[in-house]
Amino acid sequence: MRLLRSTDLALRVLMRLAVADGSSPTTRAVAESMDVPYTHAAKVVAELQHMGLLVARRGRGGGLALSEEGRTASVGAVVRAFEGDGDVVDCEGATPCPLHTGCRLRGALRRAQEAFFATLDPVTVQDMVAAPTGPLLLEISRAP
């Protein structure tokens, strides 16, 4: 299974903000530190804000901060929100699969997808930034 770029970016934004050490980086600063386009970061930040996982303040002294809910958020829930809960394969798309009425693969892939999410459910954002990741992430984000 491969995560969407927006899912990967959302997880990295949450991790970056989890180690922000009192600072409130802007969306632009976060995008630059992760070497991603600002527009992509802005879309992801808006969705994370809508989910209540981060707070964005505008203007002088503004920036991004992780909410308390963001610190304890389940990685599985974040991945589900960004990936959606659709099937891994599109059996009934523009060219429907001729096996769709009697295929066992679709169910097996669905169970595998749920197992993937279930593995991530108990992991929180705070867990992801425990040492050695958090200190390394802080060091990278401070680099010129």
N, C-alpha and C. Protein backbone atom coordinates (compact mmCIF):
# COMPACT_ATOMS: atom_id res chain seq x y z
N MET A 1 0.85 -1.19 0.00
CA MET A 1 0.00 0.00 0.00
C MET A 1 0.89 1.23 0.00
N ARG A 2 0.48 2.20 -0.75
CA ARG A 2 1.24 3.44 -0.85
C ARG A 2 0.36 4.60 -0.39
N LEU A 3 0.90 5.43 0.50
CA LEU A 3 0.15 6.58 1.00
C LEU A 3 0.14 7.70 -0.03
N LEU A 4 -0.93 8.46 -0.04
CA LEU A 4 -1.00 9.65 -0.86
C LEU A 4 0.03 10.67 -0.36
N ARG A 5 0.47 11.53 -1.24
CA ARG A 5 1.43 12.58 -0.83
C ARG A 5 0.84 13.45 0.26
N SER A 6 -0.45 13.72 0.18
CA SER A 6 -1.08 14.57 1.19
C SER A 6 -1.09 13.89 2.56
N THR A 7 -1.24 12.58 2.59
CA THR A 7 -1.22 11.84 3.85
C THR A 7 0.17 11.91 4.46
N ASP A 8 1.18 11.65 3.64
CA ASP A 8 2.57 11.72 4.10
C ASP A 8 2.88 13.11 4.63
N LEU A 9 2.48 14.13 3.90
CA LEU A 9 2.74 15.50 4.32
C LEU A 9 2.00 15.84 5.61
N ALA A 10 0.77 15.37 5.75
CA ALA A 10 0.01 15.63 6.98
C ALA A 10 0.71 15.05 8.19
N LEU A 11 1.20 13.84 8.06
CA LEU A 11 1.91 13.20 9.18
C LEU A 11 3.20 13.95 9.50
N ARG A 12 3.91 14.38 8.46
CA ARG A 12 5.16 15.12 8.70
C ARG A 12 4.90 16.48 9.32
N VAL A 13 3.82 17.15 8.91
CA VAL A 13 3.47 18.45 9.51
C VAL A 13 3.15 18.26 10.99
N LEU A 14 2.36 17.26 11.30
CA LEU A 14 2.01 17.00 12.70
C LEU A 14 3.26 16.70 13.52
N MET A 15 4.15 15.90 12.97
CA MET A 15 5.40 15.57 13.68
C MET A 15 6.25 16.82 13.88
N ARG A 16 6.34 17.64 12.85
CA ARG A 16 7.14 18.87 12.94
C ARG A 16 6.59 19.79 14.02
N LEU A 17 5.27 19.93 14.06
CA LEU A 17 4.66 20.81 15.06
C LEU A 17 4.74 20.21 16.46
N ALA A 18 4.80 18.90 16.56
CA ALA A 18 4.90 18.25 17.87
C ALA A 18 6.23 18.55 18.54
N VAL A 19 7.24 18.93 17.77
CA VAL A 19 8.55 19.25 18.34
C VAL A 19 8.88 20.73 18.17
N ALA A 20 7.87 21.57 18.00
CA ALA A 20 8.08 22.99 17.70
C ALA A 20 8.73 23.77 18.83
N ASP A 21 8.90 23.19 20.00
CA ASP A 21 9.57 23.80 21.16
C ASP A 21 9.14 25.24 21.45
N GLY A 22 7.82 25.46 21.47
CA GLY A 22 7.32 26.78 21.84
C GLY A 22 7.20 27.76 20.70
N SER A 23 7.85 27.48 19.59
CA SER A 23 7.74 28.38 18.44
C SER A 23 6.46 28.06 17.68
N SER A 24 6.05 28.99 16.85
CA SER A 24 4.86 28.80 16.00
C SER A 24 5.27 29.05 14.57
N PRO A 25 5.82 28.04 13.90
CA PRO A 25 6.25 28.25 12.52
C PRO A 25 5.08 28.54 11.60
N THR A 26 5.32 29.27 10.55
CA THR A 26 4.28 29.56 9.57
C THR A 26 4.14 28.37 8.62
N THR A 27 3.07 28.36 7.89
CA THR A 27 2.88 27.31 6.88
C THR A 27 4.02 27.37 5.87
N ARG A 28 4.40 28.56 5.49
CA ARG A 28 5.50 28.71 4.52
C ARG A 28 6.81 28.15 5.08
N ALA A 29 7.10 28.43 6.35
CA ALA A 29 8.33 27.93 6.96
C ALA A 29 8.32 26.40 7.04
N VAL A 30 7.18 25.84 7.38
CA VAL A 30 7.06 24.38 7.45
C VAL A 30 7.25 23.78 6.06
N ALA A 31 6.63 24.39 5.06
CA ALA A 31 6.77 23.90 3.68
C ALA A 31 8.22 23.96 3.23
N GLU A 32 8.89 25.06 3.54
CA GLU A 32 10.30 25.20 3.15
C GLU A 32 11.18 24.18 3.87
N SER A 33 10.93 23.97 5.16
CA SER A 33 11.76 23.02 5.91
C SER A 33 11.57 21.59 5.44
N MET A 34 10.41 21.31 4.84
CA MET A 34 10.12 19.97 4.33
C MET A 34 10.36 19.86 2.83
N ASP A 35 10.73 20.97 2.23
CA ASP A 35 11.01 21.03 0.80
C ASP A 35 9.81 20.55 -0.03
N VAL A 36 8.63 21.10 0.30
CA VAL A 36 7.41 20.81 -0.44
C VAL A 36 6.80 22.13 -0.90
N PRO A 37 6.02 22.11 -1.97
CA PRO A 37 5.39 23.35 -2.42
C PRO A 37 4.47 23.93 -1.35
N TYR A 38 4.49 25.23 -1.24
CA TYR A 38 3.65 25.93 -0.26
C TYR A 38 2.18 25.59 -0.45
N THR A 39 1.73 25.54 -1.71
CA THR A 39 0.31 25.27 -1.96
C THR A 39 -0.11 23.91 -1.41
N HIS A 40 0.74 22.90 -1.54
CA HIS A 40 0.43 21.57 -0.99
C HIS A 40 0.35 21.64 0.54
N ALA A 41 1.33 22.31 1.12
CA ALA A 41 1.36 22.42 2.58
C ALA A 41 0.13 23.18 3.08
N ALA A 42 -0.26 24.24 2.38
CA ALA A 42 -1.41 25.04 2.80
C ALA A 42 -2.70 24.21 2.78
N LYS A 43 -2.87 23.37 1.77
CA LYS A 43 -4.06 22.52 1.69
C LYS A 43 -4.09 21.52 2.84
N VAL A 44 -2.95 20.92 3.12
CA VAL A 44 -2.87 19.94 4.20
C VAL A 44 -3.09 20.62 5.56
N VAL A 45 -2.49 21.78 5.76
CA VAL A 45 -2.67 22.52 7.01
C VAL A 45 -4.14 22.88 7.20
N ALA A 46 -4.80 23.31 6.13
CA ALA A 46 -6.22 23.66 6.22
C ALA A 46 -7.05 22.45 6.64
N GLU A 47 -6.74 21.28 6.09
CA GLU A 47 -7.49 20.07 6.45
C GLU A 47 -7.20 19.66 7.90
N LEU A 48 -5.95 19.75 8.32
CA LEU A 48 -5.59 19.42 9.70
C LEU A 48 -6.26 20.39 10.68
N GLN A 49 -6.36 21.65 10.28
CA GLN A 49 -7.04 22.64 11.12
C GLN A 49 -8.52 22.31 11.20
N HIS A 50 -9.12 21.94 10.08
CA HIS A 50 -10.52 21.56 10.04
C HIS A 50 -10.78 20.34 10.94
N MET A 51 -9.82 19.44 11.00
CA MET A 51 -9.95 18.24 11.84
C MET A 51 -9.72 18.56 13.32
N GLY A 52 -9.27 19.79 13.62
CA GLY A 52 -9.03 20.18 15.00
C GLY A 52 -7.68 19.73 15.55
N LEU A 53 -6.77 19.34 14.67
CA LEU A 53 -5.48 18.82 15.11
C LEU A 53 -4.42 19.91 15.23
N LEU A 54 -4.65 21.03 14.58
CA LEU A 54 -3.72 22.15 14.76
C LEU A 54 -4.49 23.45 14.75
N VAL A 55 -3.82 24.47 15.25
CA VAL A 55 -4.38 25.81 15.32
C VAL A 55 -3.50 26.70 14.46
N ALA A 56 -4.14 27.49 13.61
CA ALA A 56 -3.41 28.42 12.75
C ALA A 56 -3.82 29.83 13.12
N ARG A 57 -2.83 30.64 13.50
CA ARG A 57 -3.10 32.05 13.83
C ARG A 57 -2.51 32.92 12.74
N ARG A 58 -3.30 33.89 12.30
CA ARG A 58 -2.85 34.79 11.24
C ARG A 58 -2.21 36.03 11.83
N GLY A 59 -1.47 36.72 10.97
CA GLY A 59 -0.93 38.02 11.34
C GLY A 59 0.36 37.95 12.14
N ARG A 60 0.72 39.12 12.64
CA ARG A 60 1.96 39.24 13.40
C ARG A 60 1.91 38.33 14.63
N GLY A 61 2.95 37.57 14.82
CA GLY A 61 2.99 36.65 15.94
C GLY A 61 2.17 35.39 15.70
N GLY A 62 1.67 35.23 14.49
CA GLY A 62 0.87 34.07 14.16
C GLY A 62 1.73 32.86 13.83
N GLY A 63 1.10 31.85 13.36
CA GLY A 63 1.80 30.64 12.98
C GLY A 63 0.96 29.42 13.30
N LEU A 64 1.59 28.28 13.25
CA LEU A 64 0.91 27.01 13.47
C LEU A 64 1.31 26.42 14.82
N ALA A 65 0.35 25.78 15.44
CA ALA A 65 0.62 25.08 16.70
C ALA A 65 -0.25 23.84 16.74
N LEU A 66 0.28 22.80 17.30
CA LEU A 66 -0.47 21.56 17.47
C LEU A 66 -1.48 21.74 18.59
N SER A 67 -2.69 21.31 18.39
CA SER A 67 -3.69 21.35 19.46
C SER A 67 -3.45 20.16 20.38
N GLU A 68 -4.07 20.17 21.54
CA GLU A 68 -3.92 19.04 22.45
C GLU A 68 -4.46 17.78 21.79
N GLU A 69 -5.55 17.93 21.07
CA GLU A 69 -6.12 16.80 20.34
C GLU A 69 -5.12 16.30 19.28
N GLY A 70 -4.37 17.22 18.70
CA GLY A 70 -3.36 16.85 17.71
C GLY A 70 -2.25 16.00 18.29
N ARG A 71 -1.85 16.30 19.52
CA ARG A 71 -0.78 15.52 20.17
C ARG A 71 -1.20 14.08 20.41
N THR A 72 -2.46 13.89 20.76
CA THR A 72 -2.93 12.56 21.11
C THR A 72 -3.67 11.89 19.96
N ALA A 73 -3.68 12.52 18.80
CA ALA A 73 -4.40 11.97 17.65
C ALA A 73 -3.83 10.62 17.25
N SER A 74 -4.71 9.73 16.87
CA SER A 74 -4.31 8.42 16.37
C SER A 74 -3.79 8.57 14.94
N VAL A 75 -2.63 8.00 14.69
CA VAL A 75 -2.07 8.03 13.34
C VAL A 75 -3.02 7.31 12.38
N GLY A 76 -3.62 6.22 12.84
CA GLY A 76 -4.58 5.50 12.01
C GLY A 76 -5.75 6.38 11.60
N ALA A 77 -6.26 7.19 12.52
CA ALA A 77 -7.38 8.08 12.21
C ALA A 77 -6.97 9.15 11.20
N VAL A 78 -5.76 9.68 11.36
CA VAL A 78 -5.27 10.69 10.41
C VAL A 78 -5.12 10.07 9.02
N VAL A 79 -4.53 8.89 8.97
CA VAL A 79 -4.34 8.22 7.67
C VAL A 79 -5.70 7.91 7.04
N ARG A 80 -6.64 7.42 7.81
CA ARG A 80 -7.99 7.14 7.28
C ARG A 80 -8.62 8.41 6.72
N ALA A 81 -8.48 9.52 7.46
CA ALA A 81 -9.09 10.78 7.02
C ALA A 81 -8.52 11.26 5.69
N PHE A 82 -7.22 11.11 5.51
CA PHE A 82 -6.59 11.58 4.28
C PHE A 82 -6.70 10.58 3.14
N GLU A 83 -6.67 9.31 3.46
CA GLU A 83 -6.73 8.27 2.42
C GLU A 83 -8.15 7.95 2.00
N GLY A 84 -9.10 8.20 2.89
CA GLY A 84 -10.47 7.79 2.61
C GLY A 84 -10.65 6.32 2.91
N ASP A 85 -11.87 5.88 2.90
CA ASP A 85 -12.11 4.48 3.24
C ASP A 85 -12.56 3.66 2.04
N GLY A 86 -12.20 4.12 0.85
CA GLY A 86 -12.55 3.40 -0.37
C GLY A 86 -11.76 2.11 -0.52
N ASP A 87 -12.18 1.32 -1.48
CA ASP A 87 -11.49 0.06 -1.75
C ASP A 87 -10.10 0.31 -2.31
N VAL A 88 -9.21 -0.63 -2.06
CA VAL A 88 -7.84 -0.55 -2.56
C VAL A 88 -7.84 -0.62 -4.09
N VAL A 89 -8.70 -1.44 -4.64
CA VAL A 89 -8.82 -1.57 -6.09
C VAL A 89 -10.21 -1.11 -6.51
N ASP A 90 -10.30 -0.57 -7.72
CA ASP A 90 -11.57 -0.08 -8.24
C ASP A 90 -12.15 -1.15 -9.16
N CYS A 91 -12.96 -2.02 -8.60
CA CYS A 91 -13.52 -3.14 -9.36
C CYS A 91 -14.68 -2.72 -10.27
N GLU A 92 -15.28 -1.59 -9.98
CA GLU A 92 -16.46 -1.18 -10.73
C GLU A 92 -16.27 0.17 -11.40
N GLY A 93 -15.04 0.48 -11.78
CA GLY A 93 -14.73 1.76 -12.41
C GLY A 93 -15.25 1.85 -13.83
N ALA A 94 -14.56 2.63 -14.64
CA ALA A 94 -14.97 2.84 -16.03
C ALA A 94 -15.04 1.52 -16.79
N THR A 95 -14.12 0.62 -16.49
CA THR A 95 -14.13 -0.71 -17.08
C THR A 95 -14.27 -1.72 -15.95
N PRO A 96 -15.50 -2.09 -15.62
CA PRO A 96 -15.71 -3.00 -14.49
C PRO A 96 -15.01 -4.35 -14.69
N CYS A 97 -14.50 -4.87 -13.61
CA CYS A 97 -13.84 -6.17 -13.65
C CYS A 97 -14.90 -7.25 -13.88
N PRO A 98 -14.66 -8.17 -14.79
CA PRO A 98 -15.65 -9.22 -15.05
C PRO A 98 -15.81 -10.18 -13.87
N LEU A 99 -14.89 -10.17 -12.94
CA LEU A 99 -14.96 -11.06 -11.79
C LEU A 99 -15.65 -10.43 -10.58
N HIS A 100 -16.07 -9.19 -10.68
CA HIS A 100 -16.53 -8.44 -9.50
C HIS A 100 -17.64 -9.12 -8.71
N THR A 101 -18.46 -9.95 -9.32
CA THR A 101 -19.54 -10.59 -8.57
C THR A 101 -19.07 -11.81 -7.79
N GLY A 102 -17.94 -12.41 -8.17
CA GLY A 102 -17.49 -13.61 -7.48
C GLY A 102 -16.03 -13.57 -7.08
N CYS A 103 -15.48 -12.40 -6.97
CA CYS A 103 -14.05 -12.28 -6.68
C CYS A 103 -13.77 -12.27 -5.18
N ARG A 104 -12.75 -12.97 -4.78
CA ARG A 104 -12.35 -12.99 -3.37
C ARG A 104 -11.22 -12.00 -3.09
N LEU A 105 -10.58 -11.51 -4.13
CA LEU A 105 -9.45 -10.59 -3.96
C LEU A 105 -9.90 -9.29 -3.30
N ARG A 106 -11.00 -8.74 -3.72
CA ARG A 106 -11.49 -7.47 -3.18
C ARG A 106 -11.65 -7.54 -1.65
N GLY A 107 -12.26 -8.61 -1.16
CA GLY A 107 -12.45 -8.78 0.28
C GLY A 107 -11.13 -8.95 1.01
N ALA A 108 -10.21 -9.69 0.41
CA ALA A 108 -8.90 -9.90 1.03
C ALA A 108 -8.13 -8.59 1.12
N LEU A 109 -8.20 -7.79 0.06
CA LEU A 109 -7.52 -6.49 0.06
C LEU A 109 -8.15 -5.54 1.08
N ARG A 110 -9.47 -5.61 1.22
CA ARG A 110 -10.16 -4.77 2.19
C ARG A 110 -9.74 -5.14 3.62
N ARG A 111 -9.64 -6.44 3.90
CA ARG A 111 -9.19 -6.89 5.22
C ARG A 111 -7.74 -6.47 5.48
N ALA A 112 -6.90 -6.54 4.46
CA ALA A 112 -5.50 -6.11 4.60
C ALA A 112 -5.43 -4.61 4.88
N GLN A 113 -6.27 -3.84 4.20
CA GLN A 113 -6.31 -2.39 4.42
C GLN A 113 -6.74 -2.08 5.85
N GLU A 114 -7.74 -2.75 6.33
CA GLU A 114 -8.21 -2.54 7.71
C GLU A 114 -7.14 -2.96 8.72
N ALA A 115 -6.40 -4.03 8.43
CA ALA A 115 -5.32 -4.45 9.32
C ALA A 115 -4.22 -3.39 9.36
N PHE A 116 -3.96 -2.78 8.22
CA PHE A 116 -2.98 -1.70 8.12
C PHE A 116 -3.40 -0.53 9.02
N PHE A 117 -4.66 -0.10 8.87
CA PHE A 117 -5.17 1.00 9.70
C PHE A 117 -5.17 0.61 11.18
N ALA A 118 -5.59 -0.61 11.47
CA ALA A 118 -5.66 -1.06 12.87
C ALA A 118 -4.29 -1.06 13.53
N THR A 119 -3.25 -1.34 12.77
CA THR A 119 -1.89 -1.31 13.30
C THR A 119 -1.49 0.11 13.67
N LEU A 120 -1.99 1.09 12.92
CA LEU A 120 -1.66 2.50 13.17
C LEU A 120 -2.55 3.15 14.22
N ASP A 121 -3.71 2.56 14.50
CA ASP A 121 -4.66 3.16 15.44
C ASP A 121 -4.08 3.47 16.81
N PRO A 122 -3.34 2.58 17.45
CA PRO A 122 -2.85 2.89 18.80
C PRO A 122 -1.65 3.85 18.82
N VAL A 123 -1.07 4.15 17.68
CA VAL A 123 0.09 5.03 17.61
C VAL A 123 -0.40 6.48 17.57
N THR A 124 0.15 7.32 18.45
CA THR A 124 -0.24 8.73 18.47
C THR A 124 0.86 9.59 17.85
N VAL A 125 0.50 10.83 17.58
CA VAL A 125 1.49 11.78 17.05
C VAL A 125 2.64 11.91 18.03
N GLN A 126 2.32 11.99 19.31
CA GLN A 126 3.36 12.11 20.34
C GLN A 126 4.29 10.90 20.31
N ASP A 127 3.74 9.70 20.09
CA ASP A 127 4.58 8.50 19.98
C ASP A 127 5.57 8.60 18.84
N MET A 128 5.15 9.21 17.74
CA MET A 128 6.00 9.29 16.55
C MET A 128 7.21 10.19 16.75
N VAL A 129 7.14 11.12 17.72
CA VAL A 129 8.27 12.05 17.90
C VAL A 129 9.10 11.72 19.13
N ALA A 130 8.89 10.55 19.69
CA ALA A 130 9.74 10.12 20.81
C ALA A 130 11.16 9.93 20.28
N ALA A 131 12.13 10.00 21.19
CA ALA A 131 13.53 9.84 20.79
C ALA A 131 13.72 8.50 20.07
N PRO A 132 14.51 8.46 19.06
CA PRO A 132 15.42 9.48 18.54
C PRO A 132 14.80 10.41 17.49
N THR A 133 13.54 10.16 17.10
CA THR A 133 12.94 10.93 16.00
C THR A 133 12.78 12.40 16.34
N GLY A 134 12.22 12.73 17.50
CA GLY A 134 11.96 14.12 17.86
C GLY A 134 13.20 14.99 17.85
N PRO A 135 14.26 14.59 18.56
CA PRO A 135 15.47 15.41 18.53
C PRO A 135 16.06 15.56 17.12
N LEU A 136 15.98 14.50 16.34
CA LEU A 136 16.49 14.56 14.97
C LEU A 136 15.64 15.52 14.13
N LEU A 137 14.34 15.46 14.30
CA LEU A 137 13.44 16.33 13.59
C LEU A 137 13.68 17.79 13.95
N LEU A 138 13.93 18.05 15.23
CA LEU A 138 14.24 19.41 15.67
C LEU A 138 15.54 19.90 15.04
N GLU A 139 16.52 19.05 15.01
CA GLU A 139 17.81 19.42 14.42
C GLU A 139 17.66 19.73 12.93
N ILE A 140 16.90 18.92 12.23
CA ILE A 140 16.69 19.14 10.79
C ILE A 140 15.93 20.44 10.55
N SER A 141 14.90 20.70 11.36
CA SER A 141 14.09 21.89 11.13
C SER A 141 14.82 23.18 11.50
N ARG A 142 15.85 23.09 12.29
CA ARG A 142 16.64 24.28 12.63
C ARG A 142 17.77 24.54 11.64
N ALA A 143 18.07 23.57 10.79
CA ALA A 143 19.18 23.71 9.84
C ALA A 143 18.90 24.88 8.91
N PRO A 144 19.97 25.65 8.55
CA PRO A 144 19.77 26.80 7.65
C PRO A 144 19.37 26.39 6.25
